[in-house]
Amino acid sequence: MVVQYVGRISGKSFETPVGYRRSGDTVTINVMAPDSKTWWRNLLGEGAPITLVNLDGADRTGHGTAARDDNGRVAVSVQLDT
């Protein structure tokens, strides 16, 4: 799947491929090697709108929030719009 998001500072739209798990209307993206990637930082704090491109054959929008655990792992949780 590909995520599409808008950079907080640049205001530009970006896309990046990711792996994911889905449970109902929640999609979880585990960010591999998060310190070498920056896209997920746009979703820290209160999060931001995000589009999941070609999820189940359609583009789906939602609200994504990134969090880092005590071991340094980062997960992005996306609550899909209904």
C-alpha atoms as a PDB file:
ATOM      1  CA  MET A   1       0.000   0.000   0.000  1.00  0.00           C
ATOM      2  CA  VAL A   2       1.070   3.627  -0.438  1.00  0.00           C
ATOM      3  CA  VAL A   3       0.427   6.412   2.066  1.00  0.00           C
ATOM      4  CA  GLN A   4      -0.130   9.960   0.875  1.00  0.00           C
ATOM      5  CA  TYR A   5       0.363  12.829   3.327  1.00  0.00           C
ATOM      6  CA  VAL A   6       1.141  16.533   3.437  1.00  0.00           C
ATOM      7  CA  GLY A   7       4.399  17.743   4.978  1.00  0.00           C
ATOM      8  CA  ARG A   8       3.869  19.964   8.029  1.00  0.00           C
ATOM      9  CA  ILE A   9       6.598  22.406   7.071  1.00  0.00           C
ATOM     10  CA  SER A  10       6.636  22.261   3.278  1.00  0.00           C
ATOM     11  CA  GLY A  11       2.896  21.857   2.717  1.00  0.00           C
ATOM     12  CA  LYS A  12       3.780  19.557  -0.188  1.00  0.00           C
ATOM     13  CA  SER A  13       2.064  16.245  -0.862  1.00  0.00           C
ATOM     14  CA  PHE A  14       4.224  13.105  -0.595  1.00  0.00           C
ATOM     15  CA  GLU A  15       3.720   9.377  -1.160  1.00  0.00           C
ATOM     16  CA  THR A  16       5.631   6.440   0.271  1.00  0.00           C
ATOM     17  CA  PRO A  17       5.079   2.666   0.136  1.00  0.00           C
ATOM     18  CA  VAL A  18       4.452   0.893   3.456  1.00  0.00           C
ATOM     19  CA  GLY A  19       3.422  -2.438   4.907  1.00  0.00           C
ATOM     20  CA  TYR A  20       0.364  -2.516   7.150  1.00  0.00           C
ATOM     21  CA  ARG A  21      -2.080  -4.513   9.262  1.00  0.00           C
ATOM     22  CA  ARG A  22      -5.791  -3.828   9.254  1.00  0.00           C
ATOM     23  CA  SER A  23      -8.424  -4.491  11.878  1.00  0.00           C
ATOM     24  CA  GLY A  24     -11.832  -3.098  10.920  1.00  0.00           C
ATOM     25  CA  ASP A  25     -11.536   0.664  10.429  1.00  0.00           C
ATOM     26  CA  THR A  26      -8.057   0.860  11.969  1.00  0.00           C
ATOM     27  CA  VAL A  27      -4.854   0.426   9.959  1.00  0.00           C
ATOM     28  CA  THR A  28      -1.512   0.019  11.755  1.00  0.00           C
ATOM     29  CA  ILE A  29       1.756   0.793   9.996  1.00  0.00           C
ATOM     30  CA  ASN A  30       4.928  -0.327  11.774  1.00  0.00           C
ATOM     31  CA  VAL A  31       7.720   1.962  10.604  1.00  0.00           C
ATOM     32  CA  MET A  32      10.864  -0.045   9.921  1.00  0.00           C
ATOM     33  CA  ALA A  33      14.136   1.762  10.781  1.00  0.00           C
ATOM     34  CA  PRO A  34      12.247   4.880  11.922  1.00  0.00           C
ATOM     35  CA  ASP A  35      15.386   6.919  12.628  1.00  0.00           C
ATOM     36  CA  SER A  36      16.317   6.759   8.950  1.00  0.00           C
ATOM     37  CA  LYS A  37      12.863   7.894   7.794  1.00  0.00           C
ATOM     38  CA  THR A  38      11.089  11.181   8.294  1.00  0.00           C
ATOM     39  CA  TRP A  39       7.581  10.786   6.830  1.00  0.00           C
ATOM     40  CA  TRP A  40       5.996   9.514  10.047  1.00  0.00           C
ATOM     41  CA  ARG A  41       7.110  12.602  11.989  1.00  0.00           C
ATOM     42  CA  ASN A  42       4.388  14.566  10.163  1.00  0.00           C
ATOM     43  CA  LEU A  43       1.900  12.501  12.187  1.00  0.00           C
ATOM     44  CA  LEU A  44       3.296  13.085  15.700  1.00  0.00           C
ATOM     45  CA  GLY A  45       1.218  14.756  18.402  1.00  0.00           C
ATOM     46  CA  GLU A  46      -2.379  15.209  17.353  1.00  0.00           C
ATOM     47  CA  GLY A  47      -1.676  13.530  14.011  1.00  0.00           C
ATOM     48  CA  ALA A  48      -2.883  14.628  10.590  1.00  0.00           C
ATOM     49  CA  PRO A  49      -5.063  13.610   7.654  1.00  0.00           C
ATOM     50  CA  ILE A  50      -3.668  10.766   5.567  1.00  0.00           C
ATOM     51  CA  THR A  51      -4.747   8.912   2.434  1.00  0.00           C
ATOM     52  CA  LEU A  52      -4.172   5.191   1.960  1.00  0.00           C
ATOM     53  CA  VAL A  53      -3.805   4.653  -1.770  1.00  0.00           C
ATOM     54  CA  ASN A  54      -5.367   1.504  -3.207  1.00  0.00           C
ATOM     55  CA  LEU A  55      -6.456  -0.003   0.110  1.00  0.00           C
ATOM     56  CA  ASP A  56      -8.845  -2.805  -0.875  1.00  0.00           C
ATOM     57  CA  GLY A  57      -8.989  -1.407  -4.401  1.00  0.00           C
ATOM     58  CA  ALA A  58      -9.875   2.179  -3.438  1.00  0.00           C
ATOM     59  CA  ASP A  59      -8.216   5.251  -1.964  1.00  0.00           C
ATOM     60  CA  ARG A  60      -9.279   5.666   1.677  1.00  0.00           C
ATOM     61  CA  THR A  61      -8.837   8.732   3.863  1.00  0.00           C
ATOM     62  CA  GLY A  62      -8.364   8.823   7.585  1.00  0.00           C
ATOM     63  CA  HIS A  63      -6.547  10.390  10.496  1.00  0.00           C
ATOM     64  CA  GLY A  64      -3.032   9.120  11.236  1.00  0.00           C
ATOM     65  CA  THR A  65      -1.169   9.386  14.525  1.00  0.00           C
ATOM     66  CA  ALA A  66       2.443   8.299  15.075  1.00  0.00           C
ATOM     67  CA  ALA A  67       3.832   7.135  18.404  1.00  0.00           C
ATOM     68  CA  ARG A  68       7.235   5.854  19.530  1.00  0.00           C
ATOM     69  CA  ASP A  69       7.383   3.239  22.277  1.00  0.00           C
ATOM     70  CA  ASP A  70       9.994   2.898  25.044  1.00  0.00           C
ATOM     71  CA  ASN A  71      12.090   0.619  22.803  1.00  0.00           C
ATOM     72  CA  GLY A  72      12.254   3.194  19.965  1.00  0.00           C
ATOM     73  CA  ARG A  73       9.768   1.404  17.703  1.00  0.00           C
ATOM     74  CA  VAL A  74       7.342   3.623  15.798  1.00  0.00           C
ATOM     75  CA  ALA A  75       3.808   2.741  14.811  1.00  0.00           C
ATOM     76  CA  VAL A  76       1.328   4.858  12.877  1.00  0.00           C
ATOM     77  CA  SER A  77      -2.316   4.238  13.672  1.00  0.00           C
ATOM     78  CA  VAL A  78      -4.809   5.332  11.024  1.00  0.00           C
ATOM     79  CA  GLN A  79      -8.486   5.609  11.869  1.00  0.00           C
ATOM     80  CA  LEU A  80     -10.283   5.366   8.531  1.00  0.00           C
ATOM     81  CA  ASP A  81     -13.070   7.794   7.687  1.00  0.00           C
ATOM     82  CA  THR A  82     -16.425   6.105   7.282  1.00  0.00           C
END
